[in-house]
Amino acid sequence: MTLSVEPEAPVTPPPVRDSGVARILGLVVSALATVVTSVVELYLTPLRLGGVPIGVAVVFAAAANWALAWFAVQTAGRRWAVGVPWVLWTVVMLFAAGAKTAEGDYLISGNDWIALVMILVGSLSFAVYAYRLIVRRPSL
């Protein structure tokens, strides 16, 4: 007596469909994360260790903004999505540079070199990520 075993057809997963809702949610999450990280960056700017200012806000801005740009592009599936956190972050920083506290102090003053470098490096993180998206060859 012989048994014949027929091989089963491989099971293929159903095709993944792009969901517009998932894209929008990804952009909303990246926008909310942008506001949170930009406020954290502003709070880290005056951080000192033994009276000496340390530039932890600069490093945090570079890493957080790169991650925000990556997250926005990955969740939205479009290259232009890097603009959402970039523009929002820039607006928050411009507001912080021009807004006064109740005591009359600016959140970011013109003589605070850490804040100015943080703004430069934070914006450059988005710019370099966007540039890399532009020059990257599309995969075939």
N, C-alpha and C. Protein backbone atom coordinates (compact mmCIF):
# COMPACT_ATOMS: atom_id res chain seq x y z
N MET A 1 0.83 -1.15 0.00
CA MET A 1 0.00 0.00 0.00
C MET A 1 0.89 1.24 0.00
N THR A 2 0.66 2.12 -0.93
CA THR A 2 1.43 3.36 -1.03
C THR A 2 0.53 4.56 -0.81
N LEU A 3 1.08 5.48 -0.15
CA LEU A 3 0.35 6.73 0.07
C LEU A 3 0.96 7.81 -0.81
N SER A 4 0.13 8.49 -1.50
CA SER A 4 0.64 9.60 -2.31
C SER A 4 0.28 10.90 -1.61
N VAL A 5 1.28 11.65 -1.38
CA VAL A 5 1.09 12.94 -0.71
C VAL A 5 1.33 14.03 -1.73
N GLU A 6 0.31 14.81 -1.93
CA GLU A 6 0.44 15.93 -2.86
C GLU A 6 0.90 17.15 -2.09
N PRO A 7 1.88 17.84 -2.63
CA PRO A 7 2.35 19.03 -1.92
C PRO A 7 1.26 20.10 -1.89
N GLU A 8 1.17 20.74 -0.76
CA GLU A 8 0.19 21.81 -0.62
C GLU A 8 0.70 23.08 -1.29
N ALA A 9 -0.22 23.82 -1.82
CA ALA A 9 0.15 25.09 -2.45
C ALA A 9 0.60 26.05 -1.35
N PRO A 10 1.67 26.81 -1.61
CA PRO A 10 2.12 27.76 -0.58
C PRO A 10 1.05 28.81 -0.31
N VAL A 11 0.92 29.12 0.93
CA VAL A 11 -0.06 30.12 1.33
C VAL A 11 0.56 31.50 1.16
N THR A 12 -0.07 32.32 0.37
CA THR A 12 0.42 33.68 0.16
C THR A 12 -0.46 34.63 0.97
N PRO A 13 0.16 35.55 1.66
CA PRO A 13 -0.64 36.50 2.43
C PRO A 13 -1.40 37.42 1.48
N PRO A 14 -2.51 37.92 1.94
CA PRO A 14 -3.26 38.85 1.10
C PRO A 14 -2.45 40.11 0.85
N PRO A 15 -2.65 40.75 -0.28
CA PRO A 15 -1.87 41.96 -0.57
C PRO A 15 -2.18 43.06 0.45
N VAL A 16 -1.14 43.74 0.83
CA VAL A 16 -1.29 44.84 1.78
C VAL A 16 -1.79 46.06 1.01
N ARG A 17 -2.84 46.62 1.49
CA ARG A 17 -3.39 47.81 0.84
C ARG A 17 -3.03 49.03 1.66
N ASP A 18 -2.69 50.07 0.94
CA ASP A 18 -2.38 51.32 1.63
C ASP A 18 -3.67 51.88 2.21
N SER A 19 -3.59 52.19 3.46
CA SER A 19 -4.74 52.76 4.13
C SER A 19 -4.52 54.26 4.31
N GLY A 20 -5.43 55.02 3.79
CA GLY A 20 -5.34 56.46 3.96
C GLY A 20 -5.46 56.87 5.41
N VAL A 21 -6.22 56.09 6.18
CA VAL A 21 -6.38 56.39 7.60
C VAL A 21 -5.05 56.20 8.32
N ALA A 22 -4.33 55.12 7.99
CA ALA A 22 -3.03 54.88 8.64
C ALA A 22 -2.04 55.99 8.29
N ARG A 23 -2.08 56.47 7.07
CA ARG A 23 -1.19 57.57 6.69
C ARG A 23 -1.50 58.83 7.46
N ILE A 24 -2.76 59.14 7.57
CA ILE A 24 -3.16 60.35 8.29
C ILE A 24 -2.82 60.22 9.76
N LEU A 25 -3.07 59.05 10.35
CA LEU A 25 -2.71 58.84 11.75
C LEU A 25 -1.21 58.95 11.96
N GLY A 26 -0.43 58.44 11.02
CA GLY A 26 1.02 58.57 11.12
C GLY A 26 1.46 60.01 11.11
N LEU A 27 0.85 60.82 10.27
CA LEU A 27 1.19 62.24 10.23
C LEU A 27 0.75 62.97 11.49
N VAL A 28 -0.41 62.58 12.03
CA VAL A 28 -0.89 63.20 13.26
C VAL A 28 0.04 62.85 14.43
N VAL A 29 0.44 61.58 14.50
CA VAL A 29 1.35 61.16 15.57
C VAL A 29 2.70 61.87 15.43
N SER A 30 3.19 62.00 14.20
CA SER A 30 4.47 62.70 14.02
C SER A 30 4.33 64.18 14.37
N ALA A 31 3.19 64.78 14.10
CA ALA A 31 2.97 66.18 14.47
C ALA A 31 2.93 66.35 15.98
N LEU A 32 2.24 65.46 16.66
CA LEU A 32 2.19 65.54 18.13
C LEU A 32 3.56 65.29 18.73
N ALA A 33 4.28 64.33 18.20
CA ALA A 33 5.63 64.05 18.69
C ALA A 33 6.56 65.23 18.42
N THR A 34 6.35 65.93 17.33
CA THR A 34 7.15 67.10 17.02
C THR A 34 6.95 68.20 18.07
N VAL A 35 5.72 68.43 18.45
CA VAL A 35 5.44 69.45 19.46
C VAL A 35 6.09 69.05 20.80
N VAL A 36 5.96 67.79 21.16
CA VAL A 36 6.52 67.32 22.43
C VAL A 36 8.04 67.44 22.42
N THR A 37 8.69 66.96 21.37
CA THR A 37 10.15 67.00 21.34
C THR A 37 10.68 68.43 21.24
N SER A 38 9.97 69.30 20.55
CA SER A 38 10.44 70.69 20.47
C SER A 38 10.36 71.38 21.83
N VAL A 39 9.33 71.07 22.61
CA VAL A 39 9.24 71.65 23.95
C VAL A 39 10.34 71.07 24.85
N VAL A 40 10.61 69.77 24.71
CA VAL A 40 11.70 69.16 25.48
C VAL A 40 13.03 69.81 25.11
N GLU A 41 13.24 70.07 23.83
CA GLU A 41 14.47 70.73 23.39
C GLU A 41 14.60 72.11 24.02
N LEU A 42 13.49 72.84 24.09
CA LEU A 42 13.53 74.17 24.71
C LEU A 42 13.87 74.09 26.19
N TYR A 43 13.35 73.07 26.87
CA TYR A 43 13.66 72.91 28.29
C TYR A 43 15.09 72.44 28.52
N LEU A 44 15.67 71.73 27.57
CA LEU A 44 17.05 71.25 27.72
C LEU A 44 18.08 72.32 27.39
N THR A 45 17.66 73.38 26.74
CA THR A 45 18.61 74.42 26.33
C THR A 45 19.37 75.05 27.49
N PRO A 46 18.73 75.45 28.58
CA PRO A 46 19.50 76.10 29.66
C PRO A 46 20.16 75.12 30.63
N LEU A 47 20.16 73.84 30.33
CA LEU A 47 20.72 72.84 31.23
C LEU A 47 22.21 73.06 31.44
N ARG A 48 22.61 73.06 32.71
CA ARG A 48 24.01 73.30 33.06
C ARG A 48 24.48 72.19 33.99
N LEU A 49 25.77 71.95 33.92
CA LEU A 49 26.41 70.97 34.79
C LEU A 49 27.55 71.68 35.51
N GLY A 50 27.35 71.93 36.80
CA GLY A 50 28.36 72.66 37.57
C GLY A 50 28.53 74.09 37.11
N GLY A 51 27.47 74.72 36.64
CA GLY A 51 27.55 76.09 36.18
C GLY A 51 27.98 76.25 34.74
N VAL A 52 28.39 75.15 34.10
CA VAL A 52 28.85 75.20 32.71
C VAL A 52 27.71 74.70 31.81
N PRO A 53 27.32 75.49 30.81
CA PRO A 53 26.25 75.02 29.93
C PRO A 53 26.71 73.82 29.10
N ILE A 54 25.85 72.83 29.04
CA ILE A 54 26.15 71.66 28.21
C ILE A 54 25.18 71.65 27.05
N GLY A 55 25.63 71.16 25.93
CA GLY A 55 24.82 71.21 24.71
C GLY A 55 24.00 69.97 24.46
N VAL A 56 23.39 69.43 25.50
CA VAL A 56 22.58 68.23 25.32
C VAL A 56 21.36 68.52 24.43
N ALA A 57 20.89 69.75 24.43
CA ALA A 57 19.75 70.10 23.58
C ALA A 57 20.11 69.99 22.11
N VAL A 58 21.33 70.28 21.76
CA VAL A 58 21.78 70.19 20.36
C VAL A 58 21.77 68.74 19.90
N VAL A 59 22.31 67.86 20.72
CA VAL A 59 22.36 66.44 20.38
C VAL A 59 20.95 65.86 20.33
N PHE A 60 20.13 66.24 21.29
CA PHE A 60 18.75 65.75 21.31
C PHE A 60 17.98 66.25 20.10
N ALA A 61 18.18 67.50 19.71
CA ALA A 61 17.49 68.04 18.54
C ALA A 61 17.88 67.29 17.27
N ALA A 62 19.16 67.00 17.13
CA ALA A 62 19.62 66.27 15.94
C ALA A 62 19.00 64.88 15.87
N ALA A 63 19.06 64.16 16.97
CA ALA A 63 18.54 62.78 16.98
C ALA A 63 17.02 62.74 16.88
N ALA A 64 16.35 63.58 17.64
CA ALA A 64 14.88 63.56 17.64
C ALA A 64 14.32 64.01 16.30
N ASN A 65 14.88 65.02 15.71
CA ASN A 65 14.36 65.51 14.43
C ASN A 65 14.61 64.51 13.31
N TRP A 66 15.75 63.83 13.35
CA TRP A 66 16.01 62.79 12.35
C TRP A 66 14.98 61.67 12.51
N ALA A 67 14.70 61.27 13.75
CA ALA A 67 13.73 60.21 14.00
C ALA A 67 12.32 60.65 13.60
N LEU A 68 11.98 61.91 13.84
CA LEU A 68 10.66 62.41 13.44
C LEU A 68 10.51 62.41 11.92
N ALA A 69 11.55 62.81 11.22
CA ALA A 69 11.49 62.81 9.76
C ALA A 69 11.34 61.38 9.24
N TRP A 70 12.12 60.46 9.79
CA TRP A 70 12.03 59.05 9.38
C TRP A 70 10.64 58.50 9.64
N PHE A 71 10.09 58.76 10.83
CA PHE A 71 8.78 58.25 11.19
C PHE A 71 7.70 58.80 10.27
N ALA A 72 7.74 60.07 9.98
CA ALA A 72 6.73 60.68 9.12
C ALA A 72 6.76 60.08 7.73
N VAL A 73 7.95 59.90 7.17
CA VAL A 73 8.07 59.33 5.82
C VAL A 73 7.64 57.87 5.81
N GLN A 74 8.04 57.12 6.82
CA GLN A 74 7.71 55.70 6.85
C GLN A 74 6.21 55.46 7.04
N THR A 75 5.57 56.23 7.89
CA THR A 75 4.15 55.99 8.14
C THR A 75 3.27 56.54 7.03
N ALA A 76 3.65 57.66 6.44
CA ALA A 76 2.85 58.24 5.37
C ALA A 76 3.15 57.59 4.03
N GLY A 77 4.34 57.04 3.88
CA GLY A 77 4.70 56.41 2.62
C GLY A 77 4.98 57.40 1.51
N ARG A 78 5.18 58.63 1.84
CA ARG A 78 5.45 59.67 0.86
C ARG A 78 6.64 60.50 1.31
N ARG A 79 7.44 60.95 0.34
CA ARG A 79 8.61 61.75 0.68
C ARG A 79 8.26 63.12 1.20
N TRP A 80 7.16 63.67 0.76
CA TRP A 80 6.79 65.01 1.18
C TRP A 80 6.40 65.06 2.65
N ALA A 81 6.18 63.91 3.26
CA ALA A 81 5.74 63.87 4.66
C ALA A 81 6.80 64.43 5.61
N VAL A 82 8.06 64.49 5.16
CA VAL A 82 9.10 65.07 6.00
C VAL A 82 8.82 66.55 6.27
N GLY A 83 8.05 67.17 5.42
CA GLY A 83 7.74 68.59 5.59
C GLY A 83 6.81 68.88 6.76
N VAL A 84 5.98 67.93 7.13
CA VAL A 84 5.03 68.16 8.22
C VAL A 84 5.75 68.42 9.54
N PRO A 85 6.61 67.51 10.01
CA PRO A 85 7.31 67.84 11.27
C PRO A 85 8.31 68.97 11.12
N TRP A 86 8.90 69.11 9.95
CA TRP A 86 9.88 70.17 9.74
C TRP A 86 9.24 71.55 9.90
N VAL A 87 8.13 71.76 9.23
CA VAL A 87 7.44 73.06 9.30
C VAL A 87 6.91 73.30 10.71
N LEU A 88 6.33 72.28 11.31
CA LEU A 88 5.79 72.46 12.66
C LEU A 88 6.90 72.76 13.67
N TRP A 89 8.01 72.06 13.56
CA TRP A 89 9.14 72.32 14.46
C TRP A 89 9.66 73.74 14.27
N THR A 90 9.76 74.18 13.03
CA THR A 90 10.25 75.54 12.74
C THR A 90 9.30 76.59 13.31
N VAL A 91 8.00 76.36 13.19
CA VAL A 91 7.03 77.31 13.73
C VAL A 91 7.14 77.39 15.25
N VAL A 92 7.30 76.24 15.91
CA VAL A 92 7.45 76.25 17.37
C VAL A 92 8.71 77.01 17.76
N MET A 93 9.82 76.79 17.05
CA MET A 93 11.06 77.47 17.39
C MET A 93 10.96 78.98 17.12
N LEU A 94 10.30 79.36 16.04
CA LEU A 94 10.12 80.79 15.77
C LEU A 94 9.24 81.44 16.84
N PHE A 95 8.21 80.72 17.25
CA PHE A 95 7.36 81.24 18.32
C PHE A 95 8.16 81.38 19.61
N ALA A 96 8.98 80.37 19.92
CA ALA A 96 9.77 80.42 21.15
C ALA A 96 10.79 81.55 21.10
N ALA A 97 11.31 81.85 19.93
CA ALA A 97 12.30 82.92 19.82
C ALA A 97 11.67 84.30 19.94
N GLY A 98 10.38 84.40 19.64
CA GLY A 98 9.74 85.71 19.68
C GLY A 98 8.79 85.91 20.84
N ALA A 99 8.51 84.85 21.59
CA ALA A 99 7.54 84.96 22.69
C ALA A 99 8.25 85.35 23.99
N LYS A 100 7.55 86.16 24.77
CA LYS A 100 8.08 86.55 26.07
C LYS A 100 7.32 85.81 27.17
N THR A 101 8.03 85.53 28.25
CA THR A 101 7.38 84.92 29.40
C THR A 101 6.65 86.00 30.19
N ALA A 102 5.98 85.60 31.26
CA ALA A 102 5.26 86.57 32.09
C ALA A 102 6.21 87.57 32.74
N GLU A 103 7.45 87.15 32.94
CA GLU A 103 8.44 88.04 33.55
C GLU A 103 9.09 88.96 32.53
N GLY A 104 8.81 88.77 31.24
CA GLY A 104 9.39 89.60 30.20
C GLY A 104 10.62 89.02 29.54
N ASP A 105 10.98 87.79 29.88
CA ASP A 105 12.14 87.15 29.27
C ASP A 105 11.72 86.41 27.99
N TYR A 106 12.66 86.32 27.05
CA TYR A 106 12.42 85.53 25.86
C TYR A 106 12.75 84.07 26.14
N LEU A 107 12.01 83.15 25.51
CA LEU A 107 12.31 81.73 25.69
C LEU A 107 13.67 81.38 25.08
N ILE A 108 13.94 81.97 23.93
CA ILE A 108 15.25 81.80 23.29
C ILE A 108 15.80 83.20 23.06
N SER A 109 16.89 83.50 23.70
CA SER A 109 17.46 84.83 23.54
C SER A 109 18.54 84.82 22.48
N GLY A 110 18.88 85.98 21.99
CA GLY A 110 19.87 86.10 20.93
C GLY A 110 21.29 85.82 21.38
N ASN A 111 21.54 85.86 22.69
CA ASN A 111 22.89 85.60 23.17
C ASN A 111 23.05 84.19 23.76
N ASP A 112 22.06 83.35 23.59
CA ASP A 112 22.12 81.96 24.05
C ASP A 112 22.62 81.10 22.90
N TRP A 113 23.92 80.83 22.90
CA TRP A 113 24.53 80.13 21.77
C TRP A 113 24.03 78.70 21.66
N ILE A 114 23.68 78.07 22.77
CA ILE A 114 23.19 76.69 22.69
C ILE A 114 21.84 76.65 21.98
N ALA A 115 20.97 77.59 22.28
CA ALA A 115 19.67 77.62 21.62
C ALA A 115 19.81 77.91 20.13
N LEU A 116 20.71 78.81 19.78
CA LEU A 116 20.90 79.12 18.37
C LEU A 116 21.50 77.95 17.60
N VAL A 117 22.45 77.26 18.20
CA VAL A 117 23.02 76.07 17.56
C VAL A 117 21.98 74.95 17.49
N MET A 118 21.14 74.85 18.52
CA MET A 118 20.08 73.84 18.51
C MET A 118 19.12 74.08 17.34
N ILE A 119 18.77 75.33 17.11
CA ILE A 119 17.88 75.64 15.99
C ILE A 119 18.56 75.30 14.66
N LEU A 120 19.82 75.63 14.54
CA LEU A 120 20.56 75.34 13.31
C LEU A 120 20.65 73.83 13.08
N VAL A 121 21.10 73.10 14.09
CA VAL A 121 21.29 71.66 13.94
C VAL A 121 19.95 70.94 13.78
N GLY A 122 18.93 71.39 14.50
CA GLY A 122 17.61 70.78 14.38
C GLY A 122 17.04 70.92 12.98
N SER A 123 17.17 72.09 12.42
CA SER A 123 16.68 72.31 11.06
C SER A 123 17.54 71.56 10.04
N LEU A 124 18.84 71.52 10.28
CA LEU A 124 19.72 70.78 9.36
C LEU A 124 19.44 69.28 9.38
N SER A 125 18.98 68.75 10.51
CA SER A 125 18.62 67.33 10.56
C SER A 125 17.50 67.03 9.58
N PHE A 126 16.49 67.87 9.58
CA PHE A 126 15.40 67.70 8.62
C PHE A 126 15.90 67.89 7.19
N ALA A 127 16.73 68.91 6.99
CA ALA A 127 17.21 69.21 5.64
C ALA A 127 18.07 68.08 5.08
N VAL A 128 18.95 67.53 5.88
CA VAL A 128 19.80 66.44 5.41
C VAL A 128 18.97 65.20 5.13
N TYR A 129 17.99 64.92 5.98
CA TYR A 129 17.12 63.77 5.73
C TYR A 129 16.35 63.95 4.42
N ALA A 130 15.82 65.16 4.21
CA ALA A 130 15.08 65.42 2.97
C ALA A 130 16.01 65.34 1.76
N TYR A 131 17.22 65.84 1.88
CA TYR A 131 18.18 65.77 0.78
C TYR A 131 18.50 64.33 0.43
N ARG A 132 18.69 63.52 1.45
CA ARG A 132 18.98 62.10 1.20
C ARG A 132 17.80 61.40 0.52
N LEU A 133 16.59 61.82 0.84
CA LEU A 133 15.42 61.26 0.16
C LEU A 133 15.40 61.66 -1.31
N ILE A 134 15.83 62.87 -1.59
CA ILE A 134 15.79 63.37 -2.96
C ILE A 134 16.83 62.67 -3.83
N VAL A 135 18.04 62.51 -3.32
CA VAL A 135 19.11 61.97 -4.14
C VAL A 135 19.15 60.45 -4.17
N ARG A 136 18.38 59.81 -3.29
CA ARG A 136 18.37 58.35 -3.29
C ARG A 136 17.70 57.81 -4.53
N ARG A 137 18.31 56.79 -5.12
CA ARG A 137 17.72 56.19 -6.30
C ARG A 137 16.54 55.33 -5.89
N PRO A 138 15.46 55.40 -6.65
CA PRO A 138 14.31 54.57 -6.31
C PRO A 138 14.65 53.09 -6.52
N SER A 139 14.17 52.26 -5.62
CA SER A 139 14.44 50.82 -5.74
C SER A 139 13.55 50.23 -6.83
N LEU A 140 14.14 49.30 -7.57
CA LEU A 140 13.39 48.68 -8.67
C LEU A 140 12.62 47.49 -8.23
